[in-house]
Amino acid sequence: MGGIELAIYLLAVRAHMNSRNQFGLMVRLLVMVCALVPGMVIGAEEEVSSIDRGDTAWIMVSTALVLFMSLPGLAFFYGGLVHKRNVLSVLMQCFAIASLMSVIWALFGYSLAFSGGMGGAGWFLGGFDHLLMSSVVVGEVSGTIPLFLHFGFQMTFFIITRH
């Protein structure tokens, strides 16, 4: 802990000892927590991009949860809106839409969403740098997670918004 963080922490502890009301206590506890995490108080230092195992595990779990929400969840939701003999048809339609959206995302959706801009429309549309996943390398990192995991995580939201 650096000098500034330690000073903030000690001031917060001292203020906590003198506090009498609940709101003041909560504010002082929040200041103490912020003082313990230097990146929240001062700003995180620029780090070299490397894969973080915790971030990767969390995004993998989140991707699985979104897929469980979108594929069987929406299929059974829409299946409840139709007659019971049509539930299997609705289930297969949801899986077909998810498959089609996955192919579209891999072909050009990811490129239009996450690559550099093209001409005057660069603020709205991306370019074709990642068209057909051409310039994506296996070891490439997006933030602190692998790029392919970022691709899959964003694809789940592309799938669910197209239902």
N, C-alpha and C. Protein backbone atom coordinates (compact mmCIF):
# COMPACT_ATOMS: atom_id res chain seq x y z
N MET A 1 0.85 -1.16 0.00
CA MET A 1 0.00 0.00 0.00
C MET A 1 0.89 1.23 0.00
N GLY A 2 0.60 2.17 -0.88
CA GLY A 2 1.40 3.37 -0.99
C GLY A 2 1.08 4.37 0.10
N GLY A 3 1.80 5.47 0.11
CA GLY A 3 1.63 6.48 1.15
C GLY A 3 0.27 7.15 1.12
N ILE A 4 -0.22 7.48 -0.07
CA ILE A 4 -1.52 8.15 -0.18
C ILE A 4 -2.64 7.21 0.26
N GLU A 5 -2.56 5.94 -0.17
CA GLU A 5 -3.59 4.99 0.22
C GLU A 5 -3.59 4.77 1.73
N LEU A 6 -2.41 4.70 2.33
CA LEU A 6 -2.31 4.51 3.77
C LEU A 6 -2.88 5.71 4.52
N ALA A 7 -2.62 6.92 4.02
CA ALA A 7 -3.16 8.11 4.66
C ALA A 7 -4.69 8.13 4.57
N ILE A 8 -5.24 7.79 3.42
CA ILE A 8 -6.69 7.74 3.27
C ILE A 8 -7.28 6.69 4.19
N TYR A 9 -6.64 5.55 4.26
CA TYR A 9 -7.11 4.47 5.12
C TYR A 9 -7.11 4.91 6.58
N LEU A 10 -6.04 5.54 7.05
CA LEU A 10 -5.96 5.97 8.44
C LEU A 10 -6.99 7.05 8.75
N LEU A 11 -7.22 7.98 7.80
CA LEU A 11 -8.25 8.99 8.00
C LEU A 11 -9.63 8.36 8.07
N ALA A 12 -9.87 7.35 7.24
CA ALA A 12 -11.16 6.68 7.26
C ALA A 12 -11.36 5.92 8.57
N VAL A 13 -10.33 5.28 9.07
CA VAL A 13 -10.43 4.56 10.34
C VAL A 13 -10.71 5.54 11.47
N ARG A 14 -10.03 6.66 11.46
CA ARG A 14 -10.24 7.66 12.50
C ARG A 14 -11.66 8.23 12.43
N ALA A 15 -12.13 8.50 11.21
CA ALA A 15 -13.49 9.01 11.05
C ALA A 15 -14.51 7.95 11.46
N HIS A 16 -14.19 6.69 11.21
CA HIS A 16 -15.08 5.60 11.58
C HIS A 16 -15.23 5.52 13.10
N MET A 17 -14.16 5.76 13.82
CA MET A 17 -14.22 5.71 15.27
C MET A 17 -15.10 6.82 15.83
N ASN A 18 -15.17 7.98 15.13
CA ASN A 18 -15.93 9.12 15.61
C ASN A 18 -17.36 9.16 15.07
N SER A 19 -17.74 8.25 14.18
CA SER A 19 -19.05 8.33 13.54
C SER A 19 -20.14 7.82 14.48
N ARG A 20 -21.33 8.42 14.34
CA ARG A 20 -22.46 8.04 15.18
C ARG A 20 -23.66 7.57 14.35
N ASN A 21 -23.81 8.04 13.12
CA ASN A 21 -24.98 7.65 12.34
C ASN A 21 -24.64 6.56 11.33
N GLN A 22 -25.66 5.88 10.82
CA GLN A 22 -25.48 4.75 9.90
C GLN A 22 -24.93 5.20 8.55
N PHE A 23 -25.43 6.32 8.01
CA PHE A 23 -24.97 6.77 6.71
C PHE A 23 -23.49 7.12 6.74
N GLY A 24 -23.07 7.82 7.76
CA GLY A 24 -21.66 8.16 7.90
C GLY A 24 -20.79 6.92 8.02
N LEU A 25 -21.32 5.91 8.71
CA LEU A 25 -20.59 4.66 8.85
C LEU A 25 -20.42 3.97 7.50
N MET A 26 -21.47 3.95 6.70
CA MET A 26 -21.39 3.30 5.39
C MET A 26 -20.42 4.04 4.46
N VAL A 27 -20.45 5.37 4.50
CA VAL A 27 -19.54 6.15 3.67
C VAL A 27 -18.10 5.90 4.09
N ARG A 28 -17.86 5.86 5.36
CA ARG A 28 -16.50 5.65 5.85
C ARG A 28 -16.00 4.25 5.53
N LEU A 29 -16.90 3.27 5.62
CA LEU A 29 -16.50 1.91 5.24
C LEU A 29 -16.18 1.83 3.76
N LEU A 30 -16.95 2.53 2.93
CA LEU A 30 -16.67 2.56 1.50
C LEU A 30 -15.31 3.20 1.22
N VAL A 31 -14.99 4.27 1.93
CA VAL A 31 -13.69 4.92 1.76
C VAL A 31 -12.57 3.98 2.18
N MET A 32 -12.80 3.22 3.24
CA MET A 32 -11.77 2.28 3.69
C MET A 32 -11.53 1.19 2.64
N VAL A 33 -12.61 0.68 2.04
CA VAL A 33 -12.46 -0.34 1.01
C VAL A 33 -11.73 0.23 -0.19
N CYS A 34 -12.09 1.46 -0.60
CA CYS A 34 -11.42 2.09 -1.74
C CYS A 34 -9.94 2.33 -1.45
N ALA A 35 -9.63 2.62 -0.20
CA ALA A 35 -8.23 2.86 0.16
C ALA A 35 -7.42 1.57 0.11
N LEU A 36 -8.08 0.44 0.34
CA LEU A 36 -7.36 -0.82 0.30
C LEU A 36 -7.08 -1.28 -1.12
N VAL A 37 -7.86 -0.79 -2.06
CA VAL A 37 -7.67 -1.14 -3.47
C VAL A 37 -7.10 0.08 -4.18
N PRO A 38 -5.80 0.14 -4.39
CA PRO A 38 -5.18 1.35 -4.94
C PRO A 38 -5.70 1.73 -6.31
N GLY A 39 -6.09 0.79 -7.14
CA GLY A 39 -6.57 1.11 -8.48
C GLY A 39 -7.86 1.90 -8.46
N MET A 40 -8.67 1.74 -7.42
CA MET A 40 -9.92 2.48 -7.34
C MET A 40 -9.70 3.91 -6.87
N VAL A 41 -8.67 4.13 -6.07
CA VAL A 41 -8.44 5.45 -5.50
C VAL A 41 -7.69 6.35 -6.47
N ILE A 42 -6.59 5.88 -6.99
CA ILE A 42 -5.70 6.70 -7.78
C ILE A 42 -5.83 6.41 -9.27
N GLY A 43 -6.14 5.22 -9.63
CA GLY A 43 -6.17 4.80 -11.02
C GLY A 43 -5.14 3.71 -11.21
N ALA A 44 -5.54 2.71 -11.92
CA ALA A 44 -4.66 1.57 -12.10
C ALA A 44 -3.52 1.94 -13.05
N GLU A 45 -2.35 1.41 -12.76
CA GLU A 45 -1.21 1.62 -13.63
C GLU A 45 -1.41 0.81 -14.91
N GLU A 46 -0.83 1.28 -15.98
CA GLU A 46 -0.91 0.58 -17.25
C GLU A 46 -0.12 -0.71 -17.17
N GLU A 47 -0.78 -1.82 -17.46
CA GLU A 47 -0.11 -3.11 -17.40
C GLU A 47 0.01 -3.69 -18.80
N VAL A 48 0.94 -4.59 -18.95
CA VAL A 48 1.08 -5.31 -20.20
C VAL A 48 -0.06 -6.31 -20.29
N SER A 49 -0.68 -6.41 -21.45
CA SER A 49 -1.81 -7.32 -21.61
C SER A 49 -1.35 -8.77 -21.44
N SER A 50 -1.92 -9.41 -20.46
CA SER A 50 -1.65 -10.82 -20.26
C SER A 50 -2.96 -11.47 -19.83
N ILE A 51 -3.06 -12.75 -20.03
CA ILE A 51 -4.28 -13.47 -19.72
C ILE A 51 -4.39 -13.67 -18.22
N ASP A 52 -5.52 -13.26 -17.66
CA ASP A 52 -5.80 -13.43 -16.25
C ASP A 52 -6.71 -14.65 -16.10
N ARG A 53 -6.30 -15.60 -15.27
CA ARG A 53 -7.08 -16.84 -15.13
C ARG A 53 -8.45 -16.58 -14.52
N GLY A 54 -8.53 -15.66 -13.57
CA GLY A 54 -9.81 -15.37 -12.94
C GLY A 54 -10.79 -14.74 -13.92
N ASP A 55 -10.32 -13.77 -14.69
CA ASP A 55 -11.17 -13.14 -15.70
C ASP A 55 -11.62 -14.14 -16.75
N THR A 56 -10.69 -14.99 -17.15
CA THR A 56 -11.02 -15.99 -18.17
C THR A 56 -12.07 -16.96 -17.65
N ALA A 57 -11.91 -17.43 -16.42
CA ALA A 57 -12.89 -18.36 -15.85
C ALA A 57 -14.26 -17.69 -15.71
N TRP A 58 -14.27 -16.43 -15.27
CA TRP A 58 -15.54 -15.74 -15.09
C TRP A 58 -16.25 -15.54 -16.43
N ILE A 59 -15.53 -15.16 -17.46
CA ILE A 59 -16.15 -14.96 -18.77
C ILE A 59 -16.64 -16.29 -19.35
N MET A 60 -15.90 -17.37 -19.09
CA MET A 60 -16.36 -18.69 -19.57
C MET A 60 -17.68 -19.07 -18.89
N VAL A 61 -17.77 -18.86 -17.59
CA VAL A 61 -19.02 -19.17 -16.88
C VAL A 61 -20.14 -18.26 -17.36
N SER A 62 -19.84 -16.99 -17.56
CA SER A 62 -20.85 -16.05 -18.04
C SER A 62 -21.34 -16.43 -19.44
N THR A 63 -20.43 -16.86 -20.28
CA THR A 63 -20.81 -17.29 -21.63
C THR A 63 -21.74 -18.49 -21.56
N ALA A 64 -21.42 -19.44 -20.71
CA ALA A 64 -22.28 -20.62 -20.57
C ALA A 64 -23.66 -20.23 -20.03
N LEU A 65 -23.70 -19.32 -19.06
CA LEU A 65 -24.99 -18.90 -18.51
C LEU A 65 -25.85 -18.18 -19.55
N VAL A 66 -25.23 -17.34 -20.37
CA VAL A 66 -25.99 -16.64 -21.40
C VAL A 66 -26.49 -17.64 -22.45
N LEU A 67 -25.67 -18.63 -22.78
CA LEU A 67 -26.14 -19.65 -23.73
C LEU A 67 -27.30 -20.45 -23.15
N PHE A 68 -27.23 -20.79 -21.86
CA PHE A 68 -28.34 -21.51 -21.23
C PHE A 68 -29.58 -20.64 -21.17
N MET A 69 -29.40 -19.34 -21.03
CA MET A 69 -30.54 -18.44 -21.00
C MET A 69 -31.16 -18.33 -22.40
N SER A 70 -30.32 -18.27 -23.40
CA SER A 70 -30.86 -18.00 -24.73
C SER A 70 -31.38 -19.24 -25.43
N LEU A 71 -30.63 -20.31 -25.45
CA LEU A 71 -31.07 -21.46 -26.25
C LEU A 71 -32.24 -22.21 -25.61
N PRO A 72 -32.05 -22.95 -24.53
CA PRO A 72 -33.22 -23.65 -23.99
C PRO A 72 -34.19 -22.71 -23.28
N GLY A 73 -33.69 -21.65 -22.66
CA GLY A 73 -34.57 -20.73 -21.94
C GLY A 73 -35.58 -20.06 -22.85
N LEU A 74 -35.12 -19.43 -23.91
CA LEU A 74 -36.04 -18.80 -24.85
C LEU A 74 -36.88 -19.82 -25.61
N ALA A 75 -36.29 -20.97 -25.89
CA ALA A 75 -37.05 -21.99 -26.61
C ALA A 75 -38.25 -22.46 -25.78
N PHE A 76 -38.02 -22.71 -24.50
CA PHE A 76 -39.13 -23.15 -23.66
C PHE A 76 -40.10 -22.00 -23.36
N PHE A 77 -39.59 -20.78 -23.29
CA PHE A 77 -40.48 -19.63 -23.11
C PHE A 77 -41.41 -19.49 -24.30
N TYR A 78 -40.84 -19.49 -25.51
CA TYR A 78 -41.68 -19.40 -26.69
C TYR A 78 -42.53 -20.66 -26.86
N GLY A 79 -42.01 -21.80 -26.42
CA GLY A 79 -42.78 -23.03 -26.48
C GLY A 79 -44.01 -22.99 -25.60
N GLY A 80 -43.94 -22.24 -24.51
CA GLY A 80 -45.10 -22.10 -23.65
C GLY A 80 -46.19 -21.23 -24.24
N LEU A 81 -45.87 -20.51 -25.28
CA LEU A 81 -46.85 -19.63 -25.91
C LEU A 81 -47.61 -20.32 -27.04
N VAL A 82 -47.20 -21.52 -27.41
CA VAL A 82 -47.86 -22.23 -28.51
C VAL A 82 -48.53 -23.48 -27.98
N HIS A 83 -49.25 -24.13 -28.84
CA HIS A 83 -49.91 -25.39 -28.49
C HIS A 83 -48.86 -26.46 -28.22
N LYS A 84 -49.19 -27.44 -27.37
CA LYS A 84 -48.18 -28.41 -26.94
C LYS A 84 -47.61 -29.25 -28.08
N ARG A 85 -48.33 -29.42 -29.16
CA ARG A 85 -47.79 -30.21 -30.27
C ARG A 85 -46.76 -29.43 -31.08
N ASN A 86 -46.65 -28.12 -30.85
CA ASN A 86 -45.71 -27.29 -31.60
C ASN A 86 -44.46 -26.91 -30.80
N VAL A 87 -44.32 -27.41 -29.57
CA VAL A 87 -43.19 -27.04 -28.73
C VAL A 87 -41.87 -27.49 -29.35
N LEU A 88 -41.82 -28.70 -29.86
CA LEU A 88 -40.59 -29.19 -30.48
C LEU A 88 -40.22 -28.36 -31.70
N SER A 89 -41.21 -27.92 -32.45
CA SER A 89 -40.95 -27.08 -33.61
C SER A 89 -40.32 -25.75 -33.18
N VAL A 90 -40.86 -25.15 -32.13
CA VAL A 90 -40.31 -23.88 -31.63
C VAL A 90 -38.90 -24.09 -31.10
N LEU A 91 -38.66 -25.21 -30.41
CA LEU A 91 -37.33 -25.52 -29.89
C LEU A 91 -36.32 -25.62 -31.04
N MET A 92 -36.69 -26.32 -32.10
CA MET A 92 -35.79 -26.47 -33.23
C MET A 92 -35.59 -25.14 -33.98
N GLN A 93 -36.61 -24.31 -34.02
CA GLN A 93 -36.46 -23.00 -34.66
C GLN A 93 -35.47 -22.13 -33.89
N CYS A 94 -35.54 -22.19 -32.57
CA CYS A 94 -34.59 -21.41 -31.76
C CYS A 94 -33.16 -21.90 -31.96
N PHE A 95 -32.97 -23.20 -32.03
CA PHE A 95 -31.63 -23.73 -32.28
C PHE A 95 -31.16 -23.39 -33.70
N ALA A 96 -32.06 -23.41 -34.66
CA ALA A 96 -31.69 -23.05 -36.03
C ALA A 96 -31.29 -21.58 -36.12
N ILE A 97 -32.04 -20.71 -35.46
CA ILE A 97 -31.70 -19.29 -35.45
C ILE A 97 -30.35 -19.06 -34.78
N ALA A 98 -30.11 -19.77 -33.67
CA ALA A 98 -28.83 -19.63 -32.97
C ALA A 98 -27.68 -20.09 -33.84
N SER A 99 -27.87 -21.16 -34.57
CA SER A 99 -26.82 -21.66 -35.47
C SER A 99 -26.54 -20.67 -36.59
N LEU A 100 -27.59 -20.15 -37.18
CA LEU A 100 -27.43 -19.18 -38.27
C LEU A 100 -26.74 -17.91 -37.77
N MET A 101 -27.14 -17.43 -36.60
CA MET A 101 -26.53 -16.23 -36.05
C MET A 101 -25.06 -16.46 -35.70
N SER A 102 -24.71 -17.65 -35.26
CA SER A 102 -23.30 -17.96 -34.96
C SER A 102 -22.46 -17.90 -36.22
N VAL A 103 -22.98 -18.42 -37.33
CA VAL A 103 -22.25 -18.38 -38.59
C VAL A 103 -22.11 -16.94 -39.09
N ILE A 104 -23.19 -16.17 -38.99
CA ILE A 104 -23.14 -14.77 -39.42
C ILE A 104 -22.14 -13.99 -38.57
N TRP A 105 -22.12 -14.25 -37.25
CA TRP A 105 -21.18 -13.57 -36.36
C TRP A 105 -19.75 -13.90 -36.74
N ALA A 106 -19.48 -15.17 -37.06
CA ALA A 106 -18.11 -15.57 -37.41
C ALA A 106 -17.71 -15.02 -38.78
N LEU A 107 -18.62 -14.95 -39.72
CA LEU A 107 -18.28 -14.48 -41.06
C LEU A 107 -17.95 -12.99 -41.08
N PHE A 108 -18.88 -12.15 -40.62
CA PHE A 108 -18.62 -10.72 -40.71
C PHE A 108 -19.16 -9.91 -39.53
N GLY A 109 -19.96 -10.45 -38.66
CA GLY A 109 -20.53 -9.69 -37.55
C GLY A 109 -19.47 -9.19 -36.57
N TYR A 110 -18.55 -10.08 -36.20
CA TYR A 110 -17.49 -9.69 -35.27
C TYR A 110 -16.61 -8.61 -35.87
N SER A 111 -16.34 -8.72 -37.15
CA SER A 111 -15.50 -7.73 -37.82
C SER A 111 -16.17 -6.36 -37.84
N LEU A 112 -17.46 -6.33 -38.15
CA LEU A 112 -18.16 -5.05 -38.20
C LEU A 112 -18.31 -4.43 -36.82
N ALA A 113 -18.33 -5.25 -35.78
CA ALA A 113 -18.51 -4.73 -34.44
C ALA A 113 -17.21 -4.32 -33.77
N PHE A 114 -16.11 -5.06 -34.02
CA PHE A 114 -14.91 -4.87 -33.21
C PHE A 114 -13.64 -4.57 -33.97
N SER A 115 -13.70 -4.21 -35.24
CA SER A 115 -12.47 -3.83 -35.93
C SER A 115 -12.51 -2.33 -36.20
N GLY A 116 -11.43 -1.81 -36.78
CA GLY A 116 -11.33 -0.37 -37.02
C GLY A 116 -12.39 0.11 -37.98
N GLY A 117 -12.64 1.40 -37.94
CA GLY A 117 -13.69 1.98 -38.76
C GLY A 117 -13.35 2.01 -40.24
N MET A 118 -14.40 2.17 -41.05
CA MET A 118 -14.19 2.25 -42.49
C MET A 118 -14.66 3.61 -42.99
N GLY A 119 -13.72 4.43 -43.35
CA GLY A 119 -14.03 5.73 -43.92
C GLY A 119 -14.81 6.64 -42.98
N GLY A 120 -15.82 7.31 -43.52
CA GLY A 120 -16.62 8.25 -42.74
C GLY A 120 -17.57 7.59 -41.77
N ALA A 121 -17.90 6.32 -42.00
CA ALA A 121 -18.83 5.62 -41.11
C ALA A 121 -18.10 4.91 -39.99
N GLY A 122 -16.84 5.25 -39.75
CA GLY A 122 -16.05 4.56 -38.75
C GLY A 122 -16.58 4.70 -37.33
N TRP A 123 -17.31 5.74 -37.05
CA TRP A 123 -17.85 5.92 -35.72
C TRP A 123 -19.03 4.98 -35.48
N PHE A 124 -19.62 4.45 -36.53
CA PHE A 124 -20.80 3.60 -36.41
C PHE A 124 -20.52 2.16 -36.78
N LEU A 125 -19.86 1.94 -37.89
CA LEU A 125 -19.55 0.60 -38.37
C LEU A 125 -18.05 0.35 -38.31
N GLY A 126 -17.69 -0.87 -38.01
CA GLY A 126 -16.28 -1.23 -38.04
C GLY A 126 -15.87 -1.58 -39.45
N GLY A 127 -14.63 -1.95 -39.58
CA GLY A 127 -14.13 -2.32 -40.89
C GLY A 127 -14.20 -3.82 -41.10
N PHE A 128 -13.41 -4.28 -42.03
CA PHE A 128 -13.39 -5.70 -42.35
C PHE A 128 -12.04 -6.32 -42.00
N ASP A 129 -11.43 -5.84 -40.92
CA ASP A 129 -10.14 -6.37 -40.50
C ASP A 129 -10.22 -7.82 -40.05
N HIS A 130 -11.34 -8.19 -39.41
CA HIS A 130 -11.50 -9.55 -38.90
C HIS A 130 -12.50 -10.36 -39.73
N LEU A 131 -12.68 -9.98 -40.99
CA LEU A 131 -13.62 -10.69 -41.85
C LEU A 131 -13.22 -12.15 -41.97
N LEU A 132 -14.16 -13.04 -41.76
CA LEU A 132 -13.94 -14.49 -41.75
C LEU A 132 -12.91 -14.90 -40.70
N MET A 133 -12.76 -14.07 -39.66
CA MET A 133 -11.80 -14.31 -38.58
C MET A 133 -10.38 -14.44 -39.12
N SER A 134 -10.09 -13.70 -40.18
CA SER A 134 -8.81 -13.87 -40.87
C SER A 134 -7.61 -13.39 -40.08
N SER A 135 -7.72 -12.26 -39.41
CA SER A 135 -6.55 -11.73 -38.72
C SER A 135 -6.52 -12.06 -37.24
N VAL A 136 -7.34 -13.01 -36.81
CA VAL A 136 -7.38 -13.40 -35.40
C VAL A 136 -6.39 -14.54 -35.19
N VAL A 137 -5.46 -14.33 -34.27
CA VAL A 137 -4.43 -15.32 -33.97
C VAL A 137 -4.79 -16.02 -32.66
N VAL A 138 -4.37 -17.26 -32.51
CA VAL A 138 -4.76 -18.05 -31.34
C VAL A 138 -4.28 -17.42 -30.04
N GLY A 139 -3.11 -16.89 -29.97
CA GLY A 139 -2.58 -16.33 -28.73
C GLY A 139 -2.95 -14.89 -28.47
N GLU A 140 -3.79 -14.29 -29.31
CA GLU A 140 -4.12 -12.88 -29.18
C GLU A 140 -5.00 -12.65 -27.94
N VAL A 141 -4.80 -11.48 -27.32
CA VAL A 141 -5.49 -11.17 -26.06
C VAL A 141 -6.37 -9.94 -26.26
N SER A 142 -7.57 -9.99 -25.70
CA SER A 142 -8.47 -8.83 -25.68
C SER A 142 -8.65 -8.44 -24.22
N GLY A 143 -7.94 -7.43 -23.78
CA GLY A 143 -7.94 -7.06 -22.37
C GLY A 143 -7.14 -8.08 -21.58
N THR A 144 -7.81 -8.85 -20.73
CA THR A 144 -7.14 -9.89 -19.95
C THR A 144 -7.71 -11.26 -20.25
N ILE A 145 -8.45 -11.39 -21.34
CA ILE A 145 -9.01 -12.70 -21.73
C ILE A 145 -8.57 -13.02 -23.15
N PRO A 146 -8.56 -14.30 -23.51
CA PRO A 146 -8.22 -14.65 -24.90
C PRO A 146 -9.23 -14.07 -25.88
N LEU A 147 -8.77 -13.73 -27.07
CA LEU A 147 -9.64 -13.11 -28.07
C LEU A 147 -10.76 -14.05 -28.50
N PHE A 148 -10.49 -15.34 -28.59
CA PHE A 148 -11.54 -16.27 -28.98
C PHE A 148 -12.64 -16.36 -27.93
N LEU A 149 -12.29 -16.21 -26.67
CA LEU A 149 -13.30 -16.18 -25.61
C LEU A 149 -14.12 -14.90 -25.70
N HIS A 150 -13.47 -13.79 -25.99
CA HIS A 150 -14.19 -12.53 -26.22
C HIS A 150 -15.13 -12.67 -27.39
N PHE A 151 -14.67 -13.32 -28.44
CA PHE A 151 -15.50 -13.58 -29.61
C PHE A 151 -16.74 -14.39 -29.22
N GLY A 152 -16.56 -15.47 -28.46
CA GLY A 152 -17.69 -16.31 -28.06
C GLY A 152 -18.64 -15.60 -27.12
N PHE A 153 -18.11 -14.83 -26.18
CA PHE A 153 -18.95 -14.11 -25.23
C PHE A 153 -19.83 -13.09 -25.95
N GLN A 154 -19.24 -12.33 -26.85
CA GLN A 154 -20.03 -11.34 -27.59
C GLN A 154 -21.01 -12.02 -28.53
N MET A 155 -20.64 -13.20 -29.04
CA MET A 155 -21.54 -13.93 -29.93
C MET A 155 -22.81 -14.36 -29.21
N THR A 156 -22.71 -14.70 -27.93
CA THR A 156 -23.91 -15.11 -27.20
C THR A 156 -24.93 -13.97 -27.14
N PHE A 157 -24.45 -12.75 -27.00
CA PHE A 157 -25.39 -11.62 -26.97
C PHE A 157 -25.91 -11.31 -28.37
N PHE A 158 -25.11 -11.55 -29.38
CA PHE A 158 -25.59 -11.41 -30.77
C PHE A 158 -26.70 -12.40 -31.02
N ILE A 159 -26.56 -13.63 -30.51
CA ILE A 159 -27.58 -14.66 -30.70
C ILE A 159 -28.87 -14.26 -29.99
N ILE A 160 -28.75 -13.85 -28.73
CA ILE A 160 -29.96 -13.62 -27.94
C ILE A 160 -30.71 -12.37 -28.41
N THR A 161 -30.03 -11.39 -28.95
CA THR A 161 -30.73 -10.20 -29.41
C THR A 161 -31.40 -10.42 -30.76
N ARG A 162 -31.06 -11.47 -31.46
CA ARG A 162 -31.67 -11.75 -32.76
C ARG A 162 -32.86 -12.69 -32.64
N HIS A 163 -33.17 -13.16 -31.46
CA HIS A 163 -34.35 -14.03 -31.28
C HIS A 163 -35.61 -13.23 -31.34
